[in-house]
Amino acid sequence: MKIRHFAGYLFLTTYLFFLSAAFLYTMFRIRVPGVPWPFLRFAYGTMAPYQGFSTVNSFFRAEGELENGVFESIDLQSYLHLPQGEFIILFFRLKNHTSSSLQPYQYVAQRLFEEENKRGKKYRSARLLVEQWPMSVRGFWVNNISPLQNHEILGTYP
């Protein structure tokens, strides 16, 4: 019976240690030495309430310009099979990416342009934009009345 109690306390202590390390990383970007990244990343995910708050909803869209100058929506979910919340966070974090000589959003627009043209769509250009609208307690999309009014173009190609 003592081994069971000891194992329980050991598990609880270890869990609280990783949770504390994730809290330090979330709030101050301090990495505790000896904590492996997979464990820190898992615990970091539980710190979502402390990672920021906004009073606006945001959603990313991609569009391709047809030969007649009309923009057509590109389905980003066909490229990234992620839940909506993770999808939005991923695109916001692109701002910090510097793996290309292009700006991150411009790079994504270029890749979408190339991939869509491989799929048979003949676009003249591609663009990535973000829509923003006020939050509502009735749901995510409720206040998104006119999507083309509150948008910002993040990247275009070519």
N, C-alpha and C. Protein backbone atom coordinates (compact mmCIF):
# COMPACT_ATOMS: atom_id res chain seq x y z
N MET A 1 0.82 -1.20 0.00
CA MET A 1 0.00 0.00 0.00
C MET A 1 0.86 1.26 0.00
N LYS A 2 2.01 1.22 0.68
CA LYS A 2 2.87 2.39 0.72
C LYS A 2 3.45 2.70 -0.67
N ILE A 3 3.74 1.66 -1.45
CA ILE A 3 4.29 1.88 -2.79
C ILE A 3 3.27 2.61 -3.65
N ARG A 4 2.02 2.26 -3.50
CA ARG A 4 0.96 2.91 -4.28
C ARG A 4 0.85 4.38 -3.92
N HIS A 5 0.91 4.70 -2.64
CA HIS A 5 0.86 6.10 -2.20
C HIS A 5 2.09 6.85 -2.70
N PHE A 6 3.24 6.21 -2.58
CA PHE A 6 4.47 6.84 -3.05
C PHE A 6 4.40 7.13 -4.55
N ALA A 7 3.91 6.16 -5.33
CA ALA A 7 3.79 6.34 -6.78
C ALA A 7 2.82 7.47 -7.10
N GLY A 8 1.74 7.54 -6.36
CA GLY A 8 0.76 8.62 -6.57
C GLY A 8 1.36 9.99 -6.28
N TYR A 9 2.07 10.11 -5.16
CA TYR A 9 2.71 11.38 -4.81
C TYR A 9 3.80 11.75 -5.82
N LEU A 10 4.54 10.74 -6.28
CA LEU A 10 5.59 10.98 -7.27
C LEU A 10 4.98 11.49 -8.59
N PHE A 11 3.90 10.87 -9.01
CA PHE A 11 3.21 11.31 -10.23
C PHE A 11 2.70 12.74 -10.07
N LEU A 12 2.05 13.03 -8.95
CA LEU A 12 1.51 14.36 -8.70
C LEU A 12 2.61 15.41 -8.64
N THR A 13 3.70 15.10 -7.98
CA THR A 13 4.83 16.03 -7.88
C THR A 13 5.44 16.29 -9.26
N THR A 14 5.61 15.23 -10.04
CA THR A 14 6.17 15.38 -11.39
C THR A 14 5.25 16.23 -12.26
N TYR A 15 3.96 15.96 -12.19
CA TYR A 15 2.99 16.73 -12.97
C TYR A 15 3.01 18.21 -12.57
N LEU A 16 3.04 18.49 -11.30
CA LEU A 16 3.08 19.88 -10.84
C LEU A 16 4.39 20.57 -11.24
N PHE A 17 5.48 19.80 -11.24
CA PHE A 17 6.76 20.36 -11.69
C PHE A 17 6.69 20.77 -13.16
N PHE A 18 6.18 19.89 -14.02
CA PHE A 18 6.06 20.22 -15.45
C PHE A 18 5.08 21.37 -15.67
N LEU A 19 4.02 21.39 -14.90
CA LEU A 19 3.04 22.48 -15.00
C LEU A 19 3.67 23.80 -14.58
N SER A 20 4.47 23.79 -13.53
CA SER A 20 5.16 25.01 -13.10
C SER A 20 6.18 25.47 -14.14
N ALA A 21 6.88 24.51 -14.75
CA ALA A 21 7.83 24.86 -15.82
C ALA A 21 7.10 25.49 -17.01
N ALA A 22 5.94 24.95 -17.34
CA ALA A 22 5.16 25.51 -18.45
C ALA A 22 4.64 26.91 -18.09
N PHE A 23 4.27 27.11 -16.85
CA PHE A 23 3.80 28.43 -16.41
C PHE A 23 4.93 29.46 -16.54
N LEU A 24 6.13 29.09 -16.10
CA LEU A 24 7.28 29.99 -16.24
C LEU A 24 7.58 30.30 -17.71
N TYR A 25 7.46 29.28 -18.55
CA TYR A 25 7.71 29.48 -19.97
C TYR A 25 6.62 30.37 -20.59
N THR A 26 5.38 30.16 -20.21
CA THR A 26 4.27 30.95 -20.76
C THR A 26 4.35 32.41 -20.34
N MET A 27 4.62 32.64 -19.10
CA MET A 27 4.57 34.02 -18.58
C MET A 27 5.86 34.80 -18.84
N PHE A 28 7.01 34.14 -18.75
CA PHE A 28 8.28 34.86 -18.79
C PHE A 28 9.27 34.34 -19.84
N ARG A 29 8.88 33.30 -20.60
CA ARG A 29 9.76 32.67 -21.58
C ARG A 29 11.06 32.15 -20.96
N ILE A 30 10.94 31.65 -19.74
CA ILE A 30 12.08 31.06 -19.04
C ILE A 30 11.95 29.54 -19.15
N ARG A 31 12.97 28.89 -19.70
CA ARG A 31 12.96 27.43 -19.79
C ARG A 31 13.70 26.85 -18.61
N VAL A 32 13.04 25.98 -17.89
CA VAL A 32 13.65 25.30 -16.74
C VAL A 32 14.61 24.25 -17.26
N PRO A 33 15.86 24.28 -16.83
CA PRO A 33 16.85 23.29 -17.30
C PRO A 33 16.42 21.86 -16.96
N GLY A 34 16.63 20.97 -17.90
CA GLY A 34 16.34 19.56 -17.66
C GLY A 34 14.93 19.14 -18.04
N VAL A 35 14.08 20.07 -18.42
CA VAL A 35 12.72 19.70 -18.82
C VAL A 35 12.71 19.47 -20.33
N PRO A 36 12.47 18.23 -20.77
CA PRO A 36 12.45 17.95 -22.20
C PRO A 36 11.34 18.73 -22.90
N TRP A 37 11.63 19.19 -24.13
CA TRP A 37 10.69 20.02 -24.87
C TRP A 37 9.32 19.36 -25.07
N PRO A 38 9.21 18.04 -25.40
CA PRO A 38 7.87 17.46 -25.57
C PRO A 38 7.00 17.58 -24.31
N PHE A 39 7.60 17.42 -23.14
CA PHE A 39 6.84 17.56 -21.90
C PHE A 39 6.45 19.02 -21.66
N LEU A 40 7.39 19.91 -21.93
CA LEU A 40 7.10 21.34 -21.74
C LEU A 40 6.01 21.78 -22.71
N ARG A 41 6.09 21.32 -23.95
CA ARG A 41 5.09 21.71 -24.94
C ARG A 41 3.71 21.20 -24.56
N PHE A 42 3.62 19.97 -24.06
CA PHE A 42 2.32 19.44 -23.64
C PHE A 42 1.74 20.27 -22.50
N ALA A 43 2.56 20.55 -21.50
CA ALA A 43 2.08 21.33 -20.36
C ALA A 43 1.79 22.77 -20.78
N TYR A 44 2.56 23.28 -21.74
CA TYR A 44 2.34 24.63 -22.26
C TYR A 44 0.94 24.76 -22.87
N GLY A 45 0.47 23.69 -23.49
CA GLY A 45 -0.88 23.69 -24.05
C GLY A 45 -1.96 23.87 -23.01
N THR A 46 -1.67 23.47 -21.78
CA THR A 46 -2.67 23.63 -20.71
C THR A 46 -2.69 25.06 -20.16
N MET A 47 -1.74 25.86 -20.60
CA MET A 47 -1.66 27.26 -20.15
C MET A 47 -2.42 28.22 -21.06
N ALA A 48 -3.31 27.72 -21.90
CA ALA A 48 -4.00 28.55 -22.88
C ALA A 48 -4.66 29.80 -22.30
N PRO A 49 -5.29 29.75 -21.13
CA PRO A 49 -5.91 30.97 -20.62
C PRO A 49 -4.93 32.10 -20.35
N TYR A 50 -3.64 31.79 -20.19
CA TYR A 50 -2.66 32.81 -19.88
C TYR A 50 -1.89 33.29 -21.11
N GLN A 51 -2.24 32.78 -22.29
CA GLN A 51 -1.48 33.09 -23.49
C GLN A 51 -1.99 34.31 -24.24
N GLY A 52 -3.00 34.94 -23.77
CA GLY A 52 -3.47 36.16 -24.41
C GLY A 52 -4.98 36.19 -24.54
N PHE A 53 -5.50 37.38 -24.70
CA PHE A 53 -6.93 37.56 -24.85
C PHE A 53 -7.17 38.72 -25.80
N SER A 54 -8.17 38.61 -26.60
CA SER A 54 -8.52 39.65 -27.55
C SER A 54 -10.03 39.82 -27.56
N THR A 55 -10.49 41.01 -27.90
CA THR A 55 -11.93 41.26 -27.97
C THR A 55 -12.45 41.14 -29.40
N VAL A 56 -11.58 40.69 -30.30
CA VAL A 56 -12.01 40.50 -31.69
C VAL A 56 -11.77 39.06 -32.10
N ASN A 57 -12.62 38.57 -32.99
CA ASN A 57 -12.41 37.27 -33.61
C ASN A 57 -11.65 37.49 -34.90
N SER A 58 -10.81 36.54 -35.24
CA SER A 58 -10.02 36.63 -36.47
C SER A 58 -10.11 35.32 -37.22
N PHE A 59 -10.05 35.43 -38.54
CA PHE A 59 -10.03 34.23 -39.36
C PHE A 59 -9.22 34.52 -40.62
N PHE A 60 -8.43 33.55 -41.03
CA PHE A 60 -7.58 33.71 -42.20
C PHE A 60 -8.24 33.10 -43.42
N ARG A 61 -8.11 33.79 -44.54
CA ARG A 61 -8.64 33.31 -45.81
C ARG A 61 -7.57 33.44 -46.87
N ALA A 62 -7.69 32.63 -47.90
CA ALA A 62 -6.82 32.73 -49.06
C ALA A 62 -7.71 32.86 -50.28
N GLU A 63 -7.27 33.66 -51.23
CA GLU A 63 -8.02 33.86 -52.45
C GLU A 63 -7.08 33.81 -53.65
N GLY A 64 -7.60 33.32 -54.75
CA GLY A 64 -6.86 33.30 -56.01
C GLY A 64 -7.57 34.20 -57.00
N GLU A 65 -6.78 34.97 -57.75
CA GLU A 65 -7.36 35.88 -58.74
C GLU A 65 -7.47 35.16 -60.08
N LEU A 66 -8.69 35.11 -60.60
CA LEU A 66 -8.94 34.48 -61.90
C LEU A 66 -8.53 35.42 -63.02
N GLU A 67 -8.56 34.93 -64.24
CA GLU A 67 -8.16 35.72 -65.41
C GLU A 67 -9.02 36.97 -65.59
N ASN A 68 -10.29 36.91 -65.16
CA ASN A 68 -11.18 38.07 -65.32
C ASN A 68 -11.06 39.07 -64.17
N GLY A 69 -10.13 38.86 -63.24
CA GLY A 69 -9.89 39.81 -62.15
C GLY A 69 -10.72 39.55 -60.90
N VAL A 70 -11.58 38.55 -60.93
CA VAL A 70 -12.41 38.20 -59.78
C VAL A 70 -11.62 37.29 -58.85
N PHE A 71 -11.74 37.52 -57.54
CA PHE A 71 -11.05 36.67 -56.57
C PHE A 71 -11.96 35.54 -56.12
N GLU A 72 -11.39 34.35 -56.08
CA GLU A 72 -12.10 33.14 -55.68
C GLU A 72 -11.45 32.60 -54.41
N SER A 73 -12.26 32.12 -53.49
CA SER A 73 -11.75 31.61 -52.22
C SER A 73 -11.00 30.29 -52.43
N ILE A 74 -9.88 30.14 -51.73
CA ILE A 74 -9.10 28.90 -51.74
C ILE A 74 -9.32 28.22 -50.39
N ASP A 75 -9.66 26.95 -50.44
CA ASP A 75 -9.93 26.20 -49.20
C ASP A 75 -8.63 25.83 -48.51
N LEU A 76 -8.31 26.54 -47.43
CA LEU A 76 -7.07 26.26 -46.69
C LEU A 76 -7.16 24.96 -45.91
N GLN A 77 -8.36 24.53 -45.56
CA GLN A 77 -8.51 23.29 -44.80
C GLN A 77 -8.07 22.07 -45.61
N SER A 78 -8.07 22.18 -46.94
CA SER A 78 -7.60 21.05 -47.74
C SER A 78 -6.09 20.87 -47.63
N TYR A 79 -5.40 21.91 -47.19
CA TYR A 79 -3.95 21.83 -46.99
C TYR A 79 -3.59 21.54 -45.54
N LEU A 80 -4.33 22.12 -44.62
CA LEU A 80 -4.05 21.95 -43.19
C LEU A 80 -5.29 21.40 -42.51
N HIS A 81 -5.26 20.15 -42.15
CA HIS A 81 -6.41 19.52 -41.51
C HIS A 81 -6.32 19.73 -40.00
N LEU A 82 -6.71 20.93 -39.56
CA LEU A 82 -6.61 21.30 -38.15
C LEU A 82 -7.93 21.84 -37.66
N PRO A 83 -8.21 21.72 -36.37
CA PRO A 83 -9.38 22.39 -35.81
C PRO A 83 -9.24 23.91 -35.97
N GLN A 84 -10.36 24.60 -36.00
CA GLN A 84 -10.38 26.04 -36.28
C GLN A 84 -9.47 26.85 -35.36
N GLY A 85 -9.48 26.59 -34.07
CA GLY A 85 -8.65 27.34 -33.13
C GLY A 85 -7.17 27.17 -33.39
N GLU A 86 -6.73 25.93 -33.63
CA GLU A 86 -5.32 25.68 -33.91
C GLU A 86 -4.91 26.29 -35.24
N PHE A 87 -5.82 26.27 -36.19
CA PHE A 87 -5.57 26.85 -37.51
C PHE A 87 -5.29 28.35 -37.39
N ILE A 88 -6.09 29.05 -36.61
CA ILE A 88 -5.93 30.49 -36.44
C ILE A 88 -4.62 30.80 -35.70
N ILE A 89 -4.33 30.04 -34.65
CA ILE A 89 -3.10 30.25 -33.89
C ILE A 89 -1.88 30.01 -34.78
N LEU A 90 -1.92 28.97 -35.60
CA LEU A 90 -0.82 28.67 -36.50
C LEU A 90 -0.54 29.86 -37.43
N PHE A 91 -1.58 30.45 -37.98
CA PHE A 91 -1.37 31.56 -38.90
C PHE A 91 -0.89 32.81 -38.18
N PHE A 92 -1.33 33.04 -36.94
CA PHE A 92 -0.82 34.18 -36.20
C PHE A 92 0.65 34.01 -35.87
N ARG A 93 1.09 32.79 -35.63
CA ARG A 93 2.49 32.54 -35.29
C ARG A 93 3.41 32.61 -36.50
N LEU A 94 2.85 32.65 -37.70
CA LEU A 94 3.69 32.77 -38.89
C LEU A 94 4.48 34.07 -38.90
N LYS A 95 3.99 35.07 -38.20
CA LYS A 95 4.70 36.35 -38.16
C LYS A 95 6.12 36.20 -37.64
N ASN A 96 6.35 35.19 -36.80
CA ASN A 96 7.65 35.00 -36.18
C ASN A 96 8.56 34.07 -36.98
N HIS A 97 8.07 33.56 -38.10
CA HIS A 97 8.84 32.61 -38.91
C HIS A 97 9.73 33.33 -39.90
N THR A 98 10.97 32.92 -39.99
CA THR A 98 11.89 33.53 -40.96
C THR A 98 12.65 32.45 -41.72
N SER A 99 11.97 31.39 -42.15
CA SER A 99 12.64 30.29 -42.83
C SER A 99 12.80 30.54 -44.32
N SER A 100 12.35 31.67 -44.80
CA SER A 100 12.40 31.98 -46.22
C SER A 100 12.88 33.40 -46.42
N SER A 101 13.33 33.70 -47.64
CA SER A 101 13.73 35.07 -47.93
C SER A 101 12.50 35.97 -48.06
N LEU A 102 11.35 35.38 -48.36
CA LEU A 102 10.10 36.14 -48.44
C LEU A 102 9.53 36.33 -47.04
N GLN A 103 8.64 37.28 -46.92
CA GLN A 103 7.91 37.43 -45.67
C GLN A 103 7.04 36.18 -45.49
N PRO A 104 6.77 35.75 -44.26
CA PRO A 104 6.06 34.49 -44.04
C PRO A 104 4.72 34.38 -44.77
N TYR A 105 3.90 35.43 -44.71
CA TYR A 105 2.59 35.36 -45.36
C TYR A 105 2.73 35.38 -46.87
N GLN A 106 3.72 36.09 -47.37
CA GLN A 106 3.97 36.12 -48.80
C GLN A 106 4.43 34.74 -49.27
N TYR A 107 5.22 34.08 -48.44
CA TYR A 107 5.68 32.73 -48.76
C TYR A 107 4.50 31.76 -48.83
N VAL A 108 3.57 31.86 -47.89
CA VAL A 108 2.39 30.99 -47.90
C VAL A 108 1.55 31.27 -49.15
N ALA A 109 1.40 32.54 -49.51
CA ALA A 109 0.64 32.90 -50.72
C ALA A 109 1.32 32.30 -51.95
N GLN A 110 2.65 32.34 -51.99
CA GLN A 110 3.38 31.76 -53.12
C GLN A 110 3.14 30.26 -53.21
N ARG A 111 3.25 29.59 -52.07
CA ARG A 111 3.04 28.13 -52.06
C ARG A 111 1.61 27.77 -52.47
N LEU A 112 0.64 28.54 -51.98
CA LEU A 112 -0.76 28.29 -52.38
C LEU A 112 -0.93 28.49 -53.88
N PHE A 113 -0.34 29.56 -54.40
CA PHE A 113 -0.41 29.85 -55.83
C PHE A 113 0.14 28.68 -56.64
N GLU A 114 1.30 28.19 -56.25
CA GLU A 114 1.93 27.09 -56.96
C GLU A 114 1.11 25.80 -56.86
N GLU A 115 0.64 25.49 -55.66
CA GLU A 115 -0.12 24.25 -55.45
C GLU A 115 -1.46 24.29 -56.16
N GLU A 116 -2.14 25.42 -56.11
CA GLU A 116 -3.44 25.53 -56.78
C GLU A 116 -3.28 25.43 -58.29
N ASN A 117 -2.21 26.01 -58.83
CA ASN A 117 -1.97 25.89 -60.27
C ASN A 117 -1.63 24.45 -60.66
N LYS A 118 -0.96 23.72 -59.76
CA LYS A 118 -0.70 22.29 -60.02
C LYS A 118 -2.00 21.50 -60.03
N ARG A 119 -2.97 21.93 -59.23
CA ARG A 119 -4.26 21.25 -59.15
C ARG A 119 -5.19 21.62 -60.31
N GLY A 120 -4.72 22.49 -61.20
CA GLY A 120 -5.53 22.82 -62.36
C GLY A 120 -6.18 24.19 -62.33
N LYS A 121 -6.10 24.89 -61.23
CA LYS A 121 -6.63 26.26 -61.17
C LYS A 121 -5.60 27.17 -61.80
N LYS A 122 -6.01 28.00 -62.68
CA LYS A 122 -5.09 28.93 -63.33
C LYS A 122 -5.31 30.33 -62.78
N TYR A 123 -4.67 30.60 -61.65
CA TYR A 123 -4.78 31.91 -61.02
C TYR A 123 -3.69 32.85 -61.54
N ARG A 124 -4.02 34.13 -61.63
CA ARG A 124 -3.01 35.15 -61.96
C ARG A 124 -2.21 35.52 -60.73
N SER A 125 -2.86 35.46 -59.56
CA SER A 125 -2.18 35.76 -58.30
C SER A 125 -2.93 35.09 -57.16
N ALA A 126 -2.29 35.09 -56.01
CA ALA A 126 -2.92 34.56 -54.80
C ALA A 126 -2.66 35.54 -53.67
N ARG A 127 -3.58 35.62 -52.75
CA ARG A 127 -3.39 36.50 -51.61
C ARG A 127 -3.92 35.84 -50.35
N LEU A 128 -3.34 36.23 -49.25
CA LEU A 128 -3.72 35.74 -47.93
C LEU A 128 -4.22 36.92 -47.13
N LEU A 129 -5.39 36.80 -46.54
CA LEU A 129 -5.94 37.91 -45.76
C LEU A 129 -6.51 37.43 -44.45
N VAL A 130 -6.64 38.37 -43.54
CA VAL A 130 -7.23 38.09 -42.24
C VAL A 130 -8.47 38.97 -42.09
N GLU A 131 -9.54 38.37 -41.62
CA GLU A 131 -10.77 39.11 -41.31
C GLU A 131 -10.85 39.26 -39.80
N GLN A 132 -11.36 40.39 -39.35
CA GLN A 132 -11.55 40.60 -37.91
C GLN A 132 -12.91 41.24 -37.69
N TRP A 133 -13.57 40.81 -36.61
CA TRP A 133 -14.87 41.35 -36.24
C TRP A 133 -15.05 41.21 -34.74
N PRO A 134 -15.95 41.99 -34.15
CA PRO A 134 -16.15 41.94 -32.69
C PRO A 134 -16.67 40.58 -32.23
N MET A 135 -16.23 40.19 -31.04
CA MET A 135 -16.69 38.93 -30.45
C MET A 135 -18.17 39.03 -30.07
N SER A 136 -18.81 37.87 -29.96
CA SER A 136 -20.19 37.80 -29.53
C SER A 136 -20.36 36.59 -28.62
N VAL A 137 -21.21 36.74 -27.61
CA VAL A 137 -21.48 35.60 -26.73
C VAL A 137 -22.36 34.57 -27.43
N ARG A 138 -22.96 34.95 -28.56
CA ARG A 138 -23.85 34.05 -29.29
C ARG A 138 -23.11 33.12 -30.25
N GLY A 139 -21.81 33.35 -30.46
CA GLY A 139 -21.05 32.45 -31.33
C GLY A 139 -19.92 33.15 -32.05
N PHE A 140 -19.05 32.36 -32.63
CA PHE A 140 -17.84 32.87 -33.29
C PHE A 140 -18.18 33.72 -34.51
N TRP A 141 -19.08 33.26 -35.36
CA TRP A 141 -19.35 33.91 -36.64
C TRP A 141 -20.47 34.95 -36.59
N VAL A 142 -21.14 35.13 -35.46
CA VAL A 142 -22.35 35.95 -35.39
C VAL A 142 -22.14 37.38 -35.86
N ASN A 143 -21.10 38.06 -35.42
CA ASN A 143 -20.89 39.46 -35.77
C ASN A 143 -20.12 39.66 -37.08
N ASN A 144 -19.81 38.58 -37.78
CA ASN A 144 -19.12 38.69 -39.06
C ASN A 144 -20.15 38.94 -40.16
N ILE A 145 -20.71 40.15 -40.16
CA ILE A 145 -21.80 40.47 -41.07
C ILE A 145 -21.30 40.75 -42.49
N SER A 146 -20.28 41.58 -42.62
CA SER A 146 -19.75 41.90 -43.94
C SER A 146 -18.26 41.55 -43.97
N PRO A 147 -17.92 40.33 -44.37
CA PRO A 147 -16.54 39.87 -44.28
C PRO A 147 -15.55 40.69 -45.09
N LEU A 148 -15.97 41.29 -46.17
CA LEU A 148 -15.00 42.02 -46.99
C LEU A 148 -14.73 43.43 -46.50
N GLN A 149 -15.45 43.88 -45.48
CA GLN A 149 -15.21 45.23 -44.95
C GLN A 149 -14.03 45.26 -43.99
N ASN A 150 -13.95 44.30 -43.10
CA ASN A 150 -12.93 44.30 -42.05
C ASN A 150 -11.85 43.28 -42.33
N HIS A 151 -11.10 43.48 -43.39
CA HIS A 151 -10.03 42.54 -43.71
C HIS A 151 -8.73 43.30 -43.98
N GLU A 152 -7.65 42.57 -43.83
CA GLU A 152 -6.33 43.12 -44.09
C GLU A 152 -5.57 42.10 -44.93
N ILE A 153 -4.98 42.55 -46.01
CA ILE A 153 -4.21 41.67 -46.87
C ILE A 153 -2.82 41.50 -46.24
N LEU A 154 -2.45 40.25 -46.00
CA LEU A 154 -1.18 39.95 -45.33
C LEU A 154 -0.06 39.66 -46.32
N GLY A 155 -0.39 38.98 -47.38
CA GLY A 155 0.64 38.64 -48.34
C GLY A 155 0.03 38.32 -49.68
N THR A 156 0.73 38.67 -50.75
CA THR A 156 0.28 38.37 -52.11
C THR A 156 1.43 37.77 -52.89
N TYR A 157 1.04 37.01 -53.93
CA TYR A 157 2.05 36.48 -54.85
C TYR A 157 1.40 36.34 -56.21
N PRO A 158 1.99 36.70 -57.29
CA PRO A 158 3.17 37.51 -57.46
C PRO A 158 2.87 38.98 -57.32
